C-alpha atoms as a PDB file:
ATOM      1  CA  MET A   1     103.892 122.130 114.467  1.00  0.00           C
ATOM      2  CA  PRO A   2     100.713 120.128 115.174  1.00  0.00           C
ATOM      3  CA  ARG A   3     100.169 116.918 113.248  1.00  0.00           C
ATOM      4  CA  GLN A   4      96.747 115.841 112.033  1.00  0.00           C
ATOM      5  CA  PRO A   5      96.069 112.200 111.134  1.00  0.00           C
ATOM      6  CA  VAL A   6      94.050 111.473 107.999  1.00  0.00           C
ATOM      7  CA  ALA A   7      91.585 108.600 107.699  1.00  0.00           C
ATOM      8  CA  THR A   8      89.043 107.733 105.023  1.00  0.00           C
ATOM      9  CA  PRO A   9      86.886 104.652 104.488  1.00  0.00           C
ATOM     10  CA  SER A  10      87.520 105.105 100.735  1.00  0.00           C
ATOM     11  CA  ALA A  11      90.981 103.587 101.202  1.00  0.00           C
ATOM     12  CA  PRO A  12      92.021 100.490 103.143  1.00  0.00           C
ATOM     13  CA  ALA A  13      92.213 100.952 106.881  1.00  0.00           C
ATOM     14  CA  ALA A  14      95.667 100.895 108.427  1.00  0.00           C
ATOM     15  CA  ILE A  15      96.760  97.331 109.225  1.00  0.00           C
ATOM     16  CA  GLY A  16      99.152  98.423 111.969  1.00  0.00           C
ATOM     17  CA  PRO A  17      99.964 101.262 114.352  1.00  0.00           C
ATOM     18  CA  TYR A  18     100.030 104.047 111.751  1.00  0.00           C
ATOM     19  CA  SER A  19      97.745 106.565 110.007  1.00  0.00           C
ATOM     20  CA  GLN A  20      96.737 106.499 106.345  1.00  0.00           C
ATOM     21  CA  ALA A  21      98.425 109.906 106.181  1.00  0.00           C
ATOM     22  CA  VAL A  22      99.552 112.738 108.434  1.00  0.00           C
ATOM     23  CA  VAL A  23      99.241 116.450 107.718  1.00  0.00           C
ATOM     24  CA  ALA A  24     102.073 118.525 109.195  1.00  0.00           C
ATOM     25  CA  GLY A  25     101.651 122.202 108.368  1.00  0.00           C
ATOM     26  CA  ARG A  26     100.864 122.281 104.642  1.00  0.00           C
ATOM     27  CA  THR A  27     102.673 118.996 103.915  1.00  0.00           C
ATOM     28  CA  VAL A  28     100.926 115.634 103.722  1.00  0.00           C
ATOM     29  CA  TYR A  29     102.833 112.385 104.149  1.00  0.00           C
ATOM     30  CA  THR A  30     100.929 109.279 103.104  1.00  0.00           C
ATOM     31  CA  SER A  31     101.666 105.837 104.387  1.00  0.00           C
ATOM     32  CA  GLY A  32     102.451 103.235 101.789  1.00  0.00           C
ATOM     33  CA  GLN A  33      99.444 101.760 100.057  1.00  0.00           C
ATOM     34  CA  ILE A  34      99.349  98.242  98.692  1.00  0.00           C
ATOM     35  CA  PRO A  35      96.642  97.015  96.287  1.00  0.00           C
ATOM     36  CA  LEU A  36      93.978  96.246  98.871  1.00  0.00           C
ATOM     37  CA  ASP A  37      90.317  96.656  98.035  1.00  0.00           C
ATOM     38  CA  PRO A  38      88.965  99.109 100.646  1.00  0.00           C
ATOM     39  CA  ALA A  39      85.688  97.204 101.030  1.00  0.00           C
ATOM     40  CA  SER A  40      87.018  93.677 101.412  1.00  0.00           C
ATOM     41  CA  GLY A  41      90.542  94.313 102.701  1.00  0.00           C
ATOM     42  CA  GLN A  42      91.792  91.720 100.206  1.00  0.00           C
ATOM     43  CA  LEU A  43      94.461  92.091  97.528  1.00  0.00           C
ATOM     44  CA  VAL A  44      92.947  92.826  94.131  1.00  0.00           C
ATOM     45  CA  GLU A  45      93.345  90.155  91.504  1.00  0.00           C
ATOM     46  CA  GLY A  46      95.016  90.756  88.188  1.00  0.00           C
ATOM     47  CA  ASP A  47      98.321  91.769  86.717  1.00  0.00           C
ATOM     48  CA  ILE A  48     100.717  94.409  88.016  1.00  0.00           C
ATOM     49  CA  ALA A  49      98.825  97.156  86.144  1.00  0.00           C
ATOM     50  CA  ALA A  50      95.585  96.244  87.930  1.00  0.00           C
ATOM     51  CA  GLN A  51      97.424  96.224  91.256  1.00  0.00           C
ATOM     52  CA  ALA A  52      99.069  99.593  90.542  1.00  0.00           C
ATOM     53  CA  ARG A  53      95.718 101.159  89.583  1.00  0.00           C
ATOM     54  CA  ARG A  54      94.226 100.003  92.885  1.00  0.00           C
ATOM     55  CA  VAL A  55      97.185 101.503  94.747  1.00  0.00           C
ATOM     56  CA  PHE A  56      96.830 104.867  92.992  1.00  0.00           C
ATOM     57  CA  ASP A  57      93.036 104.842  93.493  1.00  0.00           C
ATOM     58  CA  ASN A  58      93.609 104.234  97.214  1.00  0.00           C
ATOM     59  CA  LEU A  59      96.143 107.060  97.345  1.00  0.00           C
ATOM     60  CA  ARG A  60      93.792 109.407  95.476  1.00  0.00           C
ATOM     61  CA  ALA A  61      91.197 108.794  98.206  1.00  0.00           C
ATOM     62  CA  VAL A  62      93.729 109.518 100.951  1.00  0.00           C
ATOM     63  CA  CYS A  63      94.864 112.694  99.171  1.00  0.00           C
ATOM     64  CA  ALA A  64      91.248 113.877  98.906  1.00  0.00           C
ATOM     65  CA  ALA A  65      90.663 113.190 102.607  1.00  0.00           C
ATOM     66  CA  ALA A  66      93.728 115.329 103.374  1.00  0.00           C
ATOM     67  CA  GLY A  67      92.409 118.198 101.234  1.00  0.00           C
ATOM     68  CA  GLY A  68      94.554 117.625  98.152  1.00  0.00           C
ATOM     69  CA  ASP A  69      94.814 115.741  94.910  1.00  0.00           C
ATOM     70  CA  PHE A  70      97.529 114.362  92.664  1.00  0.00           C
ATOM     71  CA  SER A  71      98.372 117.854  91.383  1.00  0.00           C
ATOM     72  CA  HIS A  72      99.713 118.556  94.892  1.00  0.00           C
ATOM     73  CA  VAL A  73     102.086 115.555  94.927  1.00  0.00           C
ATOM     74  CA  VAL A  74     105.760 116.532  95.069  1.00  0.00           C
ATOM     75  CA  ARG A  75     107.296 113.085  95.636  1.00  0.00           C
ATOM     76  CA  VAL A  76     106.348 109.491  94.874  1.00  0.00           C
ATOM     77  CA  GLY A  77     108.043 106.436  96.365  1.00  0.00           C
ATOM     78  CA  ILE A  78     107.430 103.154  94.551  1.00  0.00           C
ATOM     79  CA  TYR A  79     108.443  99.758  95.952  1.00  0.00           C
ATOM     80  CA  LEU A  80     108.398  96.718  93.656  1.00  0.00           C
ATOM     81  CA  THR A  81     109.079  93.077  94.407  1.00  0.00           C
ATOM     82  CA  ASP A  82     110.107  92.639  90.757  1.00  0.00           C
ATOM     83  CA  LEU A  83     111.845  95.494  88.948  1.00  0.00           C
ATOM     84  CA  ALA A  84     110.729  93.895  85.663  1.00  0.00           C
ATOM     85  CA  ASP A  85     107.335  95.461  86.552  1.00  0.00           C
ATOM     86  CA  PHE A  86     108.847  98.969  86.345  1.00  0.00           C
ATOM     87  CA  ALA A  87     107.585  99.796  82.829  1.00  0.00           C
ATOM     88  CA  ALA A  88     104.026  98.642  83.544  1.00  0.00           C
ATOM     89  CA  VAL A  89     103.821 100.604  86.803  1.00  0.00           C
ATOM     90  CA  ASN A  90     105.364 103.613  85.084  1.00  0.00           C
ATOM     91  CA  ALA A  91     102.631 103.456  82.407  1.00  0.00           C
ATOM     92  CA  VAL A  92      99.926 103.327  85.082  1.00  0.00           C
ATOM     93  CA  MET A  93     101.494 106.259  86.935  1.00  0.00           C
ATOM     94  CA  ALA A  94     101.291 108.258  83.686  1.00  0.00           C
ATOM     95  CA  GLU A  95      97.497 107.723  83.748  1.00  0.00           C
ATOM     96  CA  TYR A  96      97.246 109.507  87.118  1.00  0.00           C
ATOM     97  CA  PHE A  97      99.800 112.342  86.929  1.00  0.00           C
ATOM     98  CA  ARG A  98     100.326 115.283  84.575  1.00  0.00           C
ATOM     99  CA  ALA A  99     103.334 117.561  84.042  1.00  0.00           C
ATOM    100  CA  PRO A 100     104.997 118.971  85.970  1.00  0.00           C
ATOM    101  CA  TYR A 101     105.557 115.474  87.348  1.00  0.00           C
ATOM    102  CA  PRO A 102     106.533 114.833  90.961  1.00  0.00           C
ATOM    103  CA  ALA A 103     109.967 113.589  91.921  1.00  0.00           C
ATOM    104  CA  ARG A 104     110.086 109.820  92.235  1.00  0.00           C
ATOM    105  CA  SER A 105     112.175 106.937  93.444  1.00  0.00           C
ATOM    106  CA  THR A 106     111.595 103.292  92.574  1.00  0.00           C
ATOM    107  CA  ILE A 107     113.116 100.663  94.811  1.00  0.00           C
ATOM    108  CA  GLY A 108     113.277  96.897  94.446  1.00  0.00           C
ATOM    109  CA  VAL A 109     112.364  95.078  97.653  1.00  0.00           C
ATOM    110  CA  ALA A 110     112.393  91.435  98.704  1.00  0.00           C
ATOM    111  CA  ALA A 111     108.777  91.333  99.879  1.00  0.00           C
ATOM    112  CA  LEU A 112     105.761  93.509 100.707  1.00  0.00           C
ATOM    113  CA  PRO A 113     102.874  93.041 103.161  1.00  0.00           C
ATOM    114  CA  LYS A 114     100.244  90.449 102.239  1.00  0.00           C
ATOM    115  CA  GLY A 115     102.269  89.323  99.238  1.00  0.00           C
ATOM    116  CA  ALA A 116     101.636  92.539  97.280  1.00  0.00           C
ATOM    117  CA  ARG A 117     103.824  93.207  94.255  1.00  0.00           C
ATOM    118  CA  VAL A 118     103.737  97.012  94.565  1.00  0.00           C
ATOM    119  CA  GLU A 119     103.526  99.637  97.304  1.00  0.00           C
ATOM    120  CA  VAL A 120     103.476 103.416  96.835  1.00  0.00           C
ATOM    121  CA  ASP A 121     103.727 106.371  99.214  1.00  0.00           C
ATOM    122  CA  LEU A 122     103.388 110.089  98.470  1.00  0.00           C
ATOM    123  CA  VAL A 123     104.322 113.503  99.813  1.00  0.00           C
ATOM    124  CA  LEU A 124     101.954 116.374  98.972  1.00  0.00           C
ATOM    125  CA  GLN A 125     102.288 120.112  99.422  1.00  0.00           C
ATOM    126  CA  LEU A 126      98.889 121.753  99.930  1.00  0.00           C
ATOM    127  CA  ASP A 127      98.204 125.252  98.622  1.00  0.00           C
END
């Protein structure tokens, strides 16, 4: 099955040897997004909700570049440096997704790139 990389200037450029996302068949796998502003490449300022919104906005742009949107998401992976932020990130996620909700895992991690407090990756199934 051929793989097609996805890239959009509407989300932060990859900061390593990876693609923003890869389409394999009708499935899209996004790389993890941290709360980087696509224009400046800097972490957004603000609380965990502001950081989570930036992450989901970045992911929305990647989904669109791959030919999908959040209604196509079947799995969400959330990585938090502080699990006390779970409720706030959960509330932000509810702003972006509607039922039927995707499957999700939330994992506490020791650290994330650039000192981010949250990272999210997605799996989409295109029509």
